[in-house]
Each structure stands twice: as C-alpha cells, then as structure tokens.
Amino acid sequence: MNGGKSGSTATRGRRIVLWRHGQTSWNLERRFQGSTDIELTDTGVAQARRAARLLASLKPDAIVASDLKRAARTAGELAALTGLDVTHDAALRETYAGAWQGLTHEEIVAQYGDQYAAWKRGEPVRRGGGELETEVADRAAPVVLAHADKLADGGTLVVVSHGGTIRTTIGRLLGLESHHWEGLGGLSNCCWSVLGEGARGWRLMEHNAGTLPEPVLGDDD
C-alpha cells in the first residue's frame, strides 16, 4: 500500500522539500533533543541563512514548520527571503523520547543498551518511554499531506522539521514498512530531502542534500 497518494490524482507535479533545522549546542554534544526546545547556535543560524538562499531559488509556495525554536528560527530565514508566512504546527515536532531526552549517545547506550539495540534492529520501541516512530508518522505525515494538497499543480512546499520526524514522514509518504525507515539514513543540520510527485505517488528525488536538486537524466520515465 502506497501511503504517499493523496487526493483524486497523483500526477499534479507537486514537490515537498523536507528541511532539517540548523545546528544546536545539543547536536554538538550528541545529546538526544527530542521535544526539548533548544535554540540554534550562531553556526546554526548561519547554516539556515545559507540554505535559505538556495531554497528560495526554488520559489516555494508555502512553508510549514515545527513550533520548536530551532525549526521555527530556521524557517524564519526562508520566510524573510520569500515573503511567505510560516505555518507552525506542533505535529511536526521531533520524536518525544522521555528519559532519553538530554542524554548523550554514550549515556543512552550505557543505560538503555537493549532498548537502543532493538530500535536499531527496526523493532517498535518506545525510546525512553516516549513515542513509537509510527506514532510520529501518524501525527506528522497527515500535516505534510494536507499542506501539499493545498498547492497548485507544480507547486513546492517546504517543511521545516527534525531529523527523526522527517525520516518517519518520508517513510510513510513512500509507503515503506516502518522497519525499513532507518534505511533512509539521517539528515545533516540544515540539509533537506525532496519528494516529487509521480504516477504512483511520492518519489524520493534527493536525500540529505545541501545543494539545489538537479534533473534526473536517463531515469525510467
């Protein structure tokens, strides 16, 4: 079942850019942020400004963002260049991970090693007593699709969110089984992934990109 199809037609040529926020101090310390509201570093702000200049050239039609400060500030840099308003939605927040939040990677492995290993194997795990990845997709993917459905044919939506939420949303929109979502890999700070609309639904066109998307030449369509 392809979870990426929406509306009555799947060939409207729309595009979704899923953009991860800039660097935070907790990113540098490898601390699990989850829903903790952490500001961007000065480097993170600079990353957002650089990426915004690139993404503005795509002439986006709408911007929707997590309401956490790191995503909201990142989105604000693109809004300043495009003149678009940003719609903030708590459903686009990062995965709530309970007791894991604020711990470093090493602390998580030391204190929750079995849970961490099960999660990496693709098992449904409430990390730190928090959300399942499928529950994150349940709240985030419908928001993304609802905003994409408002686009005109050929329109572009920019979604500013968090690494885990973006990965689960991409997995859901592509119709992948949840145990395969980890195979998508992570996003670097202020990098993005691009979904394009094809005859069978959404397709992953770019992943963890930091430069503008290039046309795919010699593909099967």
N, C-alpha and C. Protein backbone atom coordinates (compact mmCIF):
# COMPACT_ATOMS: atom_id res chain seq x y z
N MET A 1 0.84 -1.19 0.00
CA MET A 1 0.00 0.00 0.00
C MET A 1 0.88 1.24 0.00
N ASN A 2 0.67 2.15 -0.94
CA ASN A 2 1.46 3.36 -1.03
C ASN A 2 0.80 4.46 -0.23
N GLY A 3 1.43 4.82 0.92
CA GLY A 3 0.87 5.86 1.77
C GLY A 3 1.07 7.24 1.20
N GLY A 4 1.75 7.35 0.04
CA GLY A 4 2.06 8.66 -0.48
C GLY A 4 1.00 9.27 -1.36
N LYS A 5 0.02 8.49 -1.81
CA LYS A 5 -1.00 9.03 -2.68
C LYS A 5 -2.02 9.81 -1.86
N SER A 6 -2.42 10.94 -2.39
CA SER A 6 -3.43 11.75 -1.71
C SER A 6 -4.25 12.46 -2.75
N GLY A 7 -5.50 12.76 -2.40
CA GLY A 7 -6.36 13.43 -3.34
C GLY A 7 -6.82 12.49 -4.44
N SER A 8 -7.45 13.07 -5.46
CA SER A 8 -8.04 12.26 -6.51
C SER A 8 -7.07 11.98 -7.64
N THR A 9 -5.93 12.68 -7.67
CA THR A 9 -4.97 12.45 -8.73
C THR A 9 -3.58 12.42 -8.13
N ALA A 10 -2.70 11.63 -8.74
CA ALA A 10 -1.34 11.51 -8.21
C ALA A 10 -0.32 12.09 -9.17
N THR A 11 -0.75 12.91 -10.14
CA THR A 11 0.18 13.41 -11.15
C THR A 11 0.11 14.92 -11.27
N ARG A 12 0.00 15.62 -10.16
CA ARG A 12 -0.10 17.07 -10.20
C ARG A 12 1.26 17.75 -10.22
N GLY A 13 2.34 16.96 -10.14
CA GLY A 13 3.67 17.54 -10.26
C GLY A 13 4.12 18.38 -9.09
N ARG A 14 3.56 18.13 -7.92
CA ARG A 14 3.94 18.90 -6.74
C ARG A 14 5.26 18.39 -6.17
N ARG A 15 5.87 19.20 -5.32
CA ARG A 15 7.16 18.86 -4.73
C ARG A 15 7.15 19.24 -3.24
N ILE A 16 7.71 18.36 -2.41
CA ILE A 16 7.83 18.60 -0.98
C ILE A 16 9.31 18.59 -0.62
N VAL A 17 9.78 19.69 -0.03
CA VAL A 17 11.16 19.79 0.46
C VAL A 17 11.12 19.68 1.98
N LEU A 18 11.72 18.64 2.53
CA LEU A 18 11.74 18.42 3.97
C LEU A 18 13.12 18.83 4.50
N TRP A 19 13.15 19.91 5.26
CA TRP A 19 14.39 20.61 5.62
C TRP A 19 14.63 20.49 7.12
N ARG A 20 15.77 19.94 7.48
CA ARG A 20 16.12 19.83 8.89
C ARG A 20 16.67 21.16 9.40
N HIS A 21 16.41 21.45 10.67
CA HIS A 21 16.86 22.68 11.31
C HIS A 21 18.39 22.76 11.38
N GLY A 22 18.90 23.95 11.68
CA GLY A 22 20.32 24.17 11.84
C GLY A 22 20.87 23.61 13.15
N GLN A 23 22.17 23.77 13.30
CA GLN A 23 22.89 23.20 14.43
C GLN A 23 22.47 23.81 15.78
N THR A 24 22.43 22.95 16.80
CA THR A 24 22.22 23.39 18.18
C THR A 24 23.41 22.92 19.04
N SER A 25 23.49 23.44 20.25
CA SER A 25 24.56 23.00 21.15
C SER A 25 24.40 21.52 21.50
N TRP A 26 23.17 21.06 21.60
CA TRP A 26 22.95 19.64 21.91
C TRP A 26 23.35 18.75 20.75
N ASN A 27 23.21 19.24 19.51
CA ASN A 27 23.73 18.47 18.37
C ASN A 27 25.22 18.26 18.52
N LEU A 28 25.93 19.32 18.89
CA LEU A 28 27.39 19.23 19.04
C LEU A 28 27.78 18.25 20.14
N GLU A 29 26.97 18.22 21.21
CA GLU A 29 27.25 17.34 22.34
C GLU A 29 26.68 15.94 22.15
N ARG A 30 26.03 15.72 21.00
CA ARG A 30 25.37 14.44 20.69
C ARG A 30 24.35 14.07 21.77
N ARG A 31 23.61 15.08 22.22
CA ARG A 31 22.52 14.85 23.17
C ARG A 31 21.21 14.68 22.42
N PHE A 32 20.41 13.73 22.87
CA PHE A 32 19.12 13.47 22.26
C PHE A 32 18.18 14.62 22.63
N GLN A 33 17.77 15.40 21.62
CA GLN A 33 16.93 16.56 21.90
C GLN A 33 15.46 16.20 22.05
N GLY A 34 14.96 15.39 21.12
CA GLY A 34 13.54 15.08 21.15
C GLY A 34 12.71 16.35 21.13
N SER A 35 11.74 16.44 22.02
CA SER A 35 10.85 17.60 22.06
C SER A 35 11.38 18.73 22.93
N THR A 36 12.61 18.58 23.49
CA THR A 36 13.21 19.66 24.26
C THR A 36 13.45 20.86 23.34
N ASP A 37 13.13 22.05 23.82
CA ASP A 37 13.15 23.24 22.96
C ASP A 37 14.50 23.94 23.06
N ILE A 38 15.41 23.59 22.15
CA ILE A 38 16.78 24.09 22.15
C ILE A 38 16.96 25.10 21.02
N GLU A 39 17.67 26.20 21.31
CA GLU A 39 17.93 27.25 20.32
C GLU A 39 19.02 26.82 19.34
N LEU A 40 19.07 27.49 18.19
CA LEU A 40 20.19 27.34 17.27
C LEU A 40 21.44 27.99 17.84
N THR A 41 22.60 27.45 17.51
CA THR A 41 23.86 28.13 17.76
C THR A 41 24.05 29.21 16.69
N ASP A 42 25.08 30.04 16.87
CA ASP A 42 25.39 31.02 15.83
C ASP A 42 25.71 30.32 14.51
N THR A 43 26.39 29.18 14.60
CA THR A 43 26.66 28.40 13.39
C THR A 43 25.36 27.91 12.77
N GLY A 44 24.42 27.49 13.61
CA GLY A 44 23.13 27.04 13.11
C GLY A 44 22.37 28.12 12.38
N VAL A 45 22.42 29.34 12.89
CA VAL A 45 21.77 30.46 12.21
C VAL A 45 22.43 30.71 10.86
N ALA A 46 23.76 30.66 10.82
CA ALA A 46 24.48 30.85 9.56
C ALA A 46 24.13 29.74 8.55
N GLN A 47 24.01 28.51 9.05
CA GLN A 47 23.60 27.40 8.17
C GLN A 47 22.22 27.67 7.58
N ALA A 48 21.32 28.14 8.42
CA ALA A 48 19.95 28.39 7.96
C ALA A 48 19.92 29.49 6.91
N ARG A 49 20.72 30.51 7.09
CA ARG A 49 20.74 31.62 6.13
C ARG A 49 21.31 31.16 4.79
N ARG A 50 22.37 30.36 4.83
CA ARG A 50 22.94 29.85 3.59
C ARG A 50 21.95 28.96 2.85
N ALA A 51 21.35 28.02 3.59
CA ALA A 51 20.41 27.10 2.96
C ALA A 51 19.18 27.84 2.45
N ALA A 52 18.74 28.85 3.19
CA ALA A 52 17.55 29.60 2.77
C ALA A 52 17.78 30.28 1.43
N ARG A 53 19.00 30.78 1.20
CA ARG A 53 19.28 31.42 -0.09
C ARG A 53 19.13 30.43 -1.24
N LEU A 54 19.55 29.19 -1.01
CA LEU A 54 19.40 28.17 -2.03
C LEU A 54 17.93 27.79 -2.23
N LEU A 55 17.25 27.52 -1.12
CA LEU A 55 15.87 27.06 -1.22
C LEU A 55 14.94 28.14 -1.75
N ALA A 56 15.26 29.40 -1.50
CA ALA A 56 14.43 30.49 -2.02
C ALA A 56 14.41 30.48 -3.55
N SER A 57 15.50 30.00 -4.16
CA SER A 57 15.57 29.97 -5.62
C SER A 57 14.64 28.92 -6.22
N LEU A 58 14.14 28.01 -5.37
CA LEU A 58 13.14 27.04 -5.84
C LEU A 58 11.75 27.65 -5.91
N LYS A 59 11.62 28.89 -5.44
CA LYS A 59 10.35 29.63 -5.45
C LYS A 59 9.24 28.83 -4.76
N PRO A 60 9.45 28.50 -3.47
CA PRO A 60 8.42 27.75 -2.75
C PRO A 60 7.11 28.53 -2.66
N ASP A 61 6.03 27.78 -2.58
CA ASP A 61 4.70 28.38 -2.49
C ASP A 61 4.19 28.44 -1.06
N ALA A 62 4.74 27.62 -0.16
CA ALA A 62 4.27 27.58 1.22
C ALA A 62 5.37 27.01 2.11
N ILE A 63 5.36 27.45 3.38
CA ILE A 63 6.30 26.96 4.38
C ILE A 63 5.51 26.54 5.61
N VAL A 64 5.76 25.33 6.08
CA VAL A 64 5.18 24.86 7.34
C VAL A 64 6.31 24.33 8.19
N ALA A 65 6.25 24.59 9.51
CA ALA A 65 7.38 24.25 10.36
C ALA A 65 6.93 23.76 11.72
N SER A 66 7.77 22.96 12.34
CA SER A 66 7.64 22.65 13.77
C SER A 66 7.66 23.96 14.55
N ASP A 67 6.97 23.96 15.68
CA ASP A 67 6.95 25.17 16.51
C ASP A 67 8.11 25.24 17.48
N LEU A 68 8.98 24.22 17.53
CA LEU A 68 10.16 24.29 18.39
C LEU A 68 11.13 25.34 17.84
N LYS A 69 11.84 26.03 18.74
CA LYS A 69 12.62 27.20 18.37
C LYS A 69 13.62 26.93 17.26
N ARG A 70 14.28 25.78 17.30
CA ARG A 70 15.33 25.51 16.32
C ARG A 70 14.76 25.39 14.91
N ALA A 71 13.57 24.84 14.78
CA ALA A 71 12.93 24.73 13.47
C ALA A 71 12.28 26.05 13.06
N ALA A 72 11.64 26.71 14.02
CA ALA A 72 10.97 27.98 13.72
C ALA A 72 11.97 29.03 13.25
N ARG A 73 13.14 29.08 13.92
CA ARG A 73 14.16 30.07 13.51
C ARG A 73 14.70 29.73 12.13
N THR A 74 14.91 28.46 11.86
CA THR A 74 15.38 28.04 10.54
C THR A 74 14.37 28.45 9.47
N ALA A 75 13.10 28.17 9.71
CA ALA A 75 12.05 28.53 8.76
C ALA A 75 11.98 30.04 8.56
N GLY A 76 12.22 30.79 9.63
CA GLY A 76 12.15 32.24 9.54
C GLY A 76 13.14 32.83 8.56
N GLU A 77 14.29 32.18 8.40
CA GLU A 77 15.28 32.68 7.45
C GLU A 77 14.76 32.57 6.01
N LEU A 78 14.05 31.48 5.70
CA LEU A 78 13.47 31.34 4.36
C LEU A 78 12.29 32.29 4.18
N ALA A 79 11.50 32.45 5.22
CA ALA A 79 10.36 33.37 5.14
C ALA A 79 10.83 34.79 4.86
N ALA A 80 11.95 35.18 5.48
CA ALA A 80 12.46 36.54 5.29
C ALA A 80 12.85 36.80 3.85
N LEU A 81 13.32 35.77 3.16
CA LEU A 81 13.75 35.92 1.76
C LEU A 81 12.59 35.83 0.79
N THR A 82 11.59 35.03 1.11
CA THR A 82 10.50 34.77 0.17
C THR A 82 9.26 35.63 0.41
N GLY A 83 9.14 36.20 1.62
CA GLY A 83 7.94 36.94 1.96
C GLY A 83 6.76 36.06 2.32
N LEU A 84 6.98 34.75 2.38
CA LEU A 84 5.91 33.83 2.75
C LEU A 84 5.71 33.81 4.26
N ASP A 85 4.49 33.57 4.69
CA ASP A 85 4.22 33.34 6.10
C ASP A 85 4.58 31.88 6.42
N VAL A 86 4.96 31.65 7.67
CA VAL A 86 5.24 30.29 8.14
C VAL A 86 4.07 29.81 8.99
N THR A 87 3.55 28.64 8.66
CA THR A 87 2.55 27.99 9.50
C THR A 87 3.27 27.05 10.45
N HIS A 88 3.12 27.29 11.76
CA HIS A 88 3.78 26.45 12.75
C HIS A 88 2.80 25.39 13.25
N ASP A 89 3.30 24.16 13.38
CA ASP A 89 2.43 23.06 13.79
C ASP A 89 3.19 22.14 14.73
N ALA A 90 2.66 21.95 15.93
CA ALA A 90 3.31 21.09 16.92
C ALA A 90 3.40 19.64 16.47
N ALA A 91 2.57 19.25 15.50
CA ALA A 91 2.62 17.87 14.99
C ALA A 91 3.91 17.58 14.25
N LEU A 92 4.68 18.61 13.92
CA LEU A 92 5.94 18.42 13.22
C LEU A 92 7.14 18.41 14.16
N ARG A 93 6.89 18.38 15.48
CA ARG A 93 7.98 18.32 16.45
C ARG A 93 8.75 17.01 16.34
N GLU A 94 9.95 17.02 16.91
CA GLU A 94 10.75 15.80 16.94
C GLU A 94 10.10 14.76 17.86
N THR A 95 10.49 13.51 17.68
CA THR A 95 10.01 12.40 18.49
C THR A 95 10.19 12.69 19.98
N TYR A 96 9.13 12.52 20.75
CA TYR A 96 9.26 12.60 22.21
C TYR A 96 9.88 11.30 22.69
N ALA A 97 11.01 11.41 23.40
CA ALA A 97 11.75 10.21 23.80
C ALA A 97 11.94 10.11 25.30
N GLY A 98 11.06 10.72 26.08
CA GLY A 98 11.03 10.51 27.51
C GLY A 98 12.38 10.62 28.19
N ALA A 99 12.80 9.55 28.87
CA ALA A 99 14.02 9.55 29.67
C ALA A 99 15.28 9.68 28.83
N TRP A 100 15.20 9.44 27.52
CA TRP A 100 16.38 9.60 26.67
C TRP A 100 16.73 11.07 26.46
N GLN A 101 15.77 11.94 26.56
CA GLN A 101 15.98 13.33 26.21
C GLN A 101 17.00 13.98 27.16
N GLY A 102 17.98 14.63 26.58
CA GLY A 102 19.04 15.26 27.35
C GLY A 102 20.25 14.38 27.57
N LEU A 103 20.13 13.09 27.27
CA LEU A 103 21.26 12.17 27.42
C LEU A 103 22.12 12.18 26.17
N THR A 104 23.42 11.96 26.35
CA THR A 104 24.30 11.82 25.20
C THR A 104 24.13 10.42 24.60
N HIS A 105 24.65 10.26 23.40
CA HIS A 105 24.60 8.94 22.75
C HIS A 105 25.23 7.88 23.64
N GLU A 106 26.37 8.20 24.21
CA GLU A 106 27.07 7.23 25.05
C GLU A 106 26.24 6.87 26.29
N GLU A 107 25.58 7.86 26.87
CA GLU A 107 24.75 7.61 28.05
C GLU A 107 23.55 6.74 27.71
N ILE A 108 22.96 6.96 26.54
CA ILE A 108 21.82 6.15 26.13
C ILE A 108 22.24 4.69 25.94
N VAL A 109 23.37 4.49 25.26
CA VAL A 109 23.85 3.12 25.03
C VAL A 109 24.17 2.44 26.36
N ALA A 110 24.76 3.19 27.28
CA ALA A 110 25.14 2.61 28.57
C ALA A 110 23.92 2.28 29.44
N GLN A 111 22.92 3.14 29.43
CA GLN A 111 21.77 2.98 30.33
C GLN A 111 20.61 2.22 29.70
N TYR A 112 20.50 2.28 28.39
CA TYR A 112 19.35 1.67 27.69
C TYR A 112 19.85 0.85 26.50
N GLY A 113 20.91 0.09 26.72
CA GLY A 113 21.55 -0.64 25.62
C GLY A 113 20.63 -1.59 24.89
N ASP A 114 19.83 -2.37 25.62
CA ASP A 114 18.93 -3.33 24.98
C ASP A 114 17.86 -2.61 24.16
N GLN A 115 17.32 -1.54 24.73
CA GLN A 115 16.30 -0.76 24.04
C GLN A 115 16.87 -0.11 22.78
N TYR A 116 18.08 0.42 22.90
CA TYR A 116 18.73 1.05 21.75
C TYR A 116 18.98 0.03 20.64
N ALA A 117 19.47 -1.16 21.01
CA ALA A 117 19.76 -2.20 20.03
C ALA A 117 18.49 -2.66 19.33
N ALA A 118 17.40 -2.80 20.09
CA ALA A 118 16.12 -3.21 19.49
C ALA A 118 15.63 -2.17 18.49
N TRP A 119 15.78 -0.91 18.86
CA TRP A 119 15.37 0.18 17.95
C TRP A 119 16.19 0.14 16.66
N LYS A 120 17.49 -0.06 16.79
CA LYS A 120 18.33 -0.11 15.60
C LYS A 120 18.01 -1.32 14.72
N ARG A 121 17.48 -2.38 15.31
CA ARG A 121 17.07 -3.55 14.52
C ARG A 121 15.75 -3.30 13.80
N GLY A 122 15.10 -2.19 14.07
CA GLY A 122 13.84 -1.88 13.42
C GLY A 122 12.62 -2.32 14.18
N GLU A 123 12.80 -2.72 15.43
CA GLU A 123 11.66 -3.12 16.24
C GLU A 123 10.92 -1.89 16.76
N PRO A 124 9.60 -2.00 16.98
CA PRO A 124 8.86 -0.88 17.54
C PRO A 124 9.24 -0.67 19.00
N VAL A 125 9.88 0.43 19.30
CA VAL A 125 10.40 0.70 20.63
C VAL A 125 9.96 2.09 21.08
N ARG A 126 9.47 2.17 22.31
CA ARG A 126 9.18 3.47 22.92
C ARG A 126 10.45 3.94 23.62
N ARG A 127 11.30 4.60 22.86
CA ARG A 127 12.59 5.03 23.40
C ARG A 127 12.38 5.95 24.61
N GLY A 128 12.94 5.54 25.73
CA GLY A 128 12.79 6.32 26.95
C GLY A 128 11.37 6.41 27.45
N GLY A 129 10.50 5.53 26.96
CA GLY A 129 9.09 5.60 27.34
C GLY A 129 8.29 6.58 26.51
N GLY A 130 8.85 7.03 25.40
CA GLY A 130 8.20 8.03 24.56
C GLY A 130 7.39 7.45 23.41
N GLU A 131 7.43 8.15 22.28
CA GLU A 131 6.61 7.79 21.13
C GLU A 131 7.25 6.69 20.30
N LEU A 132 6.39 5.88 19.68
CA LEU A 132 6.84 4.99 18.62
C LEU A 132 7.07 5.81 17.35
N GLU A 133 7.96 5.33 16.50
CA GLU A 133 8.19 6.03 15.24
C GLU A 133 6.91 6.09 14.40
N THR A 134 6.11 5.03 14.45
CA THR A 134 4.86 5.04 13.69
C THR A 134 3.90 6.10 14.22
N GLU A 135 3.96 6.38 15.51
CA GLU A 135 3.10 7.43 16.08
C GLU A 135 3.55 8.81 15.64
N VAL A 136 4.87 8.98 15.47
CA VAL A 136 5.38 10.23 14.94
C VAL A 136 4.87 10.43 13.52
N ALA A 137 4.96 9.39 12.71
CA ALA A 137 4.45 9.47 11.34
C ALA A 137 2.94 9.71 11.32
N ASP A 138 2.23 9.12 12.27
CA ASP A 138 0.78 9.30 12.33
C ASP A 138 0.39 10.76 12.54
N ARG A 139 1.22 11.51 13.28
CA ARG A 139 0.88 12.91 13.52
C ARG A 139 1.47 13.86 12.48
N ALA A 140 2.67 13.52 11.97
CA ALA A 140 3.36 14.44 11.07
C ALA A 140 2.96 14.30 9.61
N ALA A 141 2.88 13.07 9.12
CA ALA A 141 2.62 12.87 7.69
C ALA A 141 1.29 13.48 7.23
N PRO A 142 0.19 13.36 8.00
CA PRO A 142 -1.06 13.98 7.54
C PRO A 142 -0.97 15.50 7.43
N VAL A 143 -0.18 16.13 8.31
CA VAL A 143 0.00 17.58 8.23
C VAL A 143 0.72 17.95 6.93
N VAL A 144 1.77 17.20 6.61
CA VAL A 144 2.51 17.46 5.38
C VAL A 144 1.60 17.27 4.16
N LEU A 145 0.86 16.18 4.14
CA LEU A 145 -0.03 15.92 3.01
C LEU A 145 -1.13 16.97 2.89
N ALA A 146 -1.65 17.42 4.01
CA ALA A 146 -2.72 18.42 3.98
C ALA A 146 -2.21 19.72 3.37
N HIS A 147 -0.99 20.11 3.71
CA HIS A 147 -0.43 21.34 3.13
C HIS A 147 -0.05 21.13 1.67
N ALA A 148 0.43 19.93 1.33
CA ALA A 148 0.75 19.65 -0.08
C ALA A 148 -0.50 19.68 -0.94
N ASP A 149 -1.62 19.22 -0.38
CA ASP A 149 -2.87 19.20 -1.14
C ASP A 149 -3.38 20.59 -1.48
N LYS A 150 -2.92 21.60 -0.74
CA LYS A 150 -3.33 22.98 -1.00
C LYS A 150 -2.54 23.63 -2.13
N LEU A 151 -1.45 22.98 -2.54
CA LEU A 151 -0.61 23.55 -3.58
C LEU A 151 -1.30 23.50 -4.94
N ALA A 152 -0.98 24.47 -5.76
CA ALA A 152 -1.37 24.40 -7.17
C ALA A 152 -0.52 23.33 -7.85
N ASP A 153 -0.94 22.90 -9.02
CA ASP A 153 -0.15 21.95 -9.78
C ASP A 153 1.26 22.50 -9.99
N GLY A 154 2.27 21.67 -9.75
CA GLY A 154 3.65 22.10 -9.90
C GLY A 154 4.19 22.90 -8.74
N GLY A 155 3.40 23.04 -7.66
CA GLY A 155 3.81 23.84 -6.53
C GLY A 155 4.82 23.14 -5.63
N THR A 156 5.49 23.95 -4.79
CA THR A 156 6.52 23.44 -3.89
C THR A 156 6.20 23.83 -2.45
N LEU A 157 6.22 22.84 -1.58
CA LEU A 157 6.03 23.04 -0.14
C LEU A 157 7.35 22.79 0.56
N VAL A 158 7.75 23.68 1.47
CA VAL A 158 8.92 23.46 2.31
C VAL A 158 8.44 23.15 3.73
N VAL A 159 8.88 22.01 4.24
CA VAL A 159 8.55 21.55 5.59
C VAL A 159 9.82 21.62 6.43
N VAL A 160 9.80 22.42 7.49
CA VAL A 160 10.99 22.59 8.34
C VAL A 160 10.74 21.81 9.63
N SER A 161 11.54 20.77 9.83
CA SER A 161 11.27 19.89 10.95
C SER A 161 12.58 19.32 11.50
N HIS A 162 12.55 18.08 11.94
CA HIS A 162 13.64 17.46 12.69
C HIS A 162 14.01 16.13 12.04
N GLY A 163 15.25 15.68 12.29
CA GLY A 163 15.75 14.51 11.59
C GLY A 163 14.87 13.28 11.70
N GLY A 164 14.49 12.92 12.93
CA GLY A 164 13.67 11.73 13.11
C GLY A 164 12.29 11.87 12.52
N THR A 165 11.69 13.02 12.70
CA THR A 165 10.35 13.25 12.17
C THR A 165 10.35 13.25 10.66
N ILE A 166 11.38 13.85 10.06
CA ILE A 166 11.47 13.85 8.60
C ILE A 166 11.64 12.43 8.08
N ARG A 167 12.49 11.63 8.71
CA ARG A 167 12.71 10.26 8.24
C ARG A 167 11.42 9.45 8.30
N THR A 168 10.69 9.54 9.41
CA THR A 168 9.45 8.76 9.51
C THR A 168 8.39 9.27 8.54
N THR A 169 8.37 10.56 8.30
CA THR A 169 7.40 11.12 7.35
C THR A 169 7.71 10.68 5.94
N ILE A 170 8.98 10.70 5.57
CA ILE A 170 9.35 10.22 4.24
C ILE A 170 8.97 8.74 4.10
N GLY A 171 9.30 7.94 5.11
CA GLY A 171 8.95 6.53 5.06
C GLY A 171 7.47 6.30 4.85
N ARG A 172 6.66 7.07 5.57
CA ARG A 172 5.20 6.93 5.44
C ARG A 172 4.72 7.38 4.07
N LEU A 173 5.22 8.50 3.58
CA LEU A 173 4.77 9.00 2.29
C LEU A 173 5.19 8.12 1.12
N LEU A 174 6.32 7.41 1.31
CA LEU A 174 6.77 6.48 0.27
C LEU A 174 6.07 5.12 0.37
N GLY A 175 5.33 4.91 1.46
CA GLY A 175 4.63 3.64 1.62
C GLY A 175 5.53 2.51 2.09
N LEU A 176 6.67 2.85 2.70
CA LEU A 176 7.59 1.82 3.19
C LEU A 176 7.11 1.26 4.53
N GLU A 177 7.38 -0.02 4.77
CA GLU A 177 7.12 -0.59 6.08
C GLU A 177 8.03 0.06 7.10
N SER A 178 7.54 0.23 8.32
CA SER A 178 8.26 1.03 9.31
C SER A 178 9.64 0.47 9.65
N HIS A 179 9.83 -0.84 9.57
CA HIS A 179 11.14 -1.39 9.91
C HIS A 179 12.20 -1.06 8.85
N HIS A 180 11.77 -0.49 7.71
CA HIS A 180 12.72 -0.08 6.68
C HIS A 180 13.09 1.41 6.79
N TRP A 181 12.42 2.16 7.66
CA TRP A 181 12.63 3.60 7.68
C TRP A 181 14.05 3.99 8.05
N GLU A 182 14.68 3.23 8.94
CA GLU A 182 16.05 3.53 9.34
C GLU A 182 17.00 3.47 8.15
N GLY A 183 16.65 2.71 7.14
CA GLY A 183 17.49 2.61 5.95
C GLY A 183 17.60 3.90 5.15
N LEU A 184 16.73 4.87 5.44
CA LEU A 184 16.80 6.14 4.75
C LEU A 184 18.02 6.96 5.18
N GLY A 185 18.56 6.68 6.37
CA GLY A 185 19.71 7.43 6.84
C GLY A 185 19.31 8.78 7.40
N GLY A 186 20.25 9.43 8.07
CA GLY A 186 19.96 10.69 8.73
C GLY A 186 20.18 11.89 7.84
N LEU A 187 19.75 13.04 8.35
CA LEU A 187 19.96 14.31 7.68
C LEU A 187 20.97 15.14 8.48
N SER A 188 21.91 15.75 7.80
CA SER A 188 22.81 16.69 8.45
C SER A 188 22.05 17.97 8.77
N ASN A 189 22.59 18.76 9.70
CA ASN A 189 21.94 20.02 10.04
C ASN A 189 21.77 20.90 8.80
N CYS A 190 20.56 21.38 8.61
CA CYS A 190 20.18 22.30 7.53
C CYS A 190 20.29 21.68 6.14
N CYS A 191 20.33 20.37 6.06
CA CYS A 191 20.19 19.69 4.78
C CYS A 191 18.73 19.26 4.60
N TRP A 192 18.39 18.81 3.42
CA TRP A 192 17.00 18.55 3.11
C TRP A 192 16.86 17.34 2.19
N SER A 193 15.63 16.85 2.12
CA SER A 193 15.26 15.81 1.17
C SER A 193 14.09 16.32 0.33
N VAL A 194 13.99 15.81 -0.88
CA VAL A 194 12.97 16.28 -1.81
C VAL A 194 12.13 15.10 -2.27
N LEU A 195 10.83 15.23 -2.12
CA LEU A 195 9.87 14.27 -2.66
C LEU A 195 9.18 14.91 -3.86
N GLY A 196 9.11 14.16 -4.95
CA GLY A 196 8.41 14.62 -6.13
C GLY A 196 7.23 13.71 -6.41
N GLU A 197 6.24 14.26 -7.04
CA GLU A 197 5.02 13.51 -7.31
C GLU A 197 5.10 12.82 -8.66
N GLY A 198 4.88 11.52 -8.65
CA GLY A 198 4.90 10.74 -9.87
C GLY A 198 3.58 10.00 -10.06
N ALA A 199 3.51 9.19 -11.09
CA ALA A 199 2.28 8.49 -11.42
C ALA A 199 1.85 7.51 -10.33
N ARG A 200 2.80 7.00 -9.53
CA ARG A 200 2.47 6.03 -8.49
C ARG A 200 2.49 6.66 -7.09
N GLY A 201 2.56 7.96 -7.01
CA GLY A 201 2.60 8.62 -5.71
C GLY A 201 3.91 9.37 -5.53
N TRP A 202 4.33 9.53 -4.28
CA TRP A 202 5.52 10.31 -3.98
C TRP A 202 6.79 9.49 -4.20
N ARG A 203 7.82 10.15 -4.74
CA ARG A 203 9.11 9.53 -5.00
C ARG A 203 10.19 10.34 -4.30
N LEU A 204 11.20 9.67 -3.77
CA LEU A 204 12.34 10.34 -3.16
C LEU A 204 13.31 10.75 -4.26
N MET A 205 13.43 12.06 -4.46
CA MET A 205 14.27 12.59 -5.54
C MET A 205 15.66 13.00 -5.06
N GLU A 206 15.75 13.51 -3.82
CA GLU A 206 17.02 13.94 -3.23
C GLU A 206 16.96 13.56 -1.75
N HIS A 207 18.12 13.19 -1.18
CA HIS A 207 18.13 12.87 0.26
C HIS A 207 19.42 13.42 0.87
N ASN A 208 19.27 14.12 2.00
CA ASN A 208 20.40 14.73 2.71
C ASN A 208 21.19 15.63 1.78
N ALA A 209 20.47 16.45 1.02
CA ALA A 209 21.10 17.33 0.05
C ALA A 209 21.43 18.68 0.69
N GLY A 210 22.49 19.30 0.19
CA GLY A 210 22.85 20.64 0.62
C GLY A 210 23.07 21.56 -0.55
N THR A 211 22.75 21.06 -1.74
CA THR A 211 22.81 21.86 -2.96
C THR A 211 21.47 21.73 -3.66
N LEU A 212 21.24 22.54 -4.67
CA LEU A 212 19.95 22.52 -5.33
C LEU A 212 19.75 21.22 -6.11
N PRO A 213 18.51 20.71 -6.13
CA PRO A 213 18.24 19.48 -6.88
C PRO A 213 18.56 19.63 -8.36
N GLU A 214 19.13 18.60 -8.93
CA GLU A 214 19.42 18.57 -10.36
C GLU A 214 18.43 17.63 -11.04
N PRO A 215 18.09 17.90 -12.30
CA PRO A 215 17.20 16.98 -13.02
C PRO A 215 17.81 15.59 -13.09
N VAL A 216 16.95 14.58 -13.00
CA VAL A 216 17.42 13.19 -13.16
C VAL A 216 17.34 12.83 -14.64
N LEU A 217 18.49 12.59 -15.23
CA LEU A 217 18.54 12.27 -16.66
C LEU A 217 18.73 10.79 -16.86
N GLY A 218 18.03 10.22 -17.83
CA GLY A 218 18.19 8.81 -18.15
C GLY A 218 17.51 7.88 -17.17
N ASP A 219 16.53 8.40 -16.42
CA ASP A 219 15.78 7.55 -15.50
C ASP A 219 14.74 6.77 -16.30
N ASP A 220 13.89 6.04 -15.60
CA ASP A 220 12.96 5.15 -16.29
C ASP A 220 11.64 5.83 -16.64
N ASP A 221 11.60 7.14 -16.69
CA ASP A 221 10.35 7.79 -17.10
C ASP A 221 10.64 9.04 -17.90
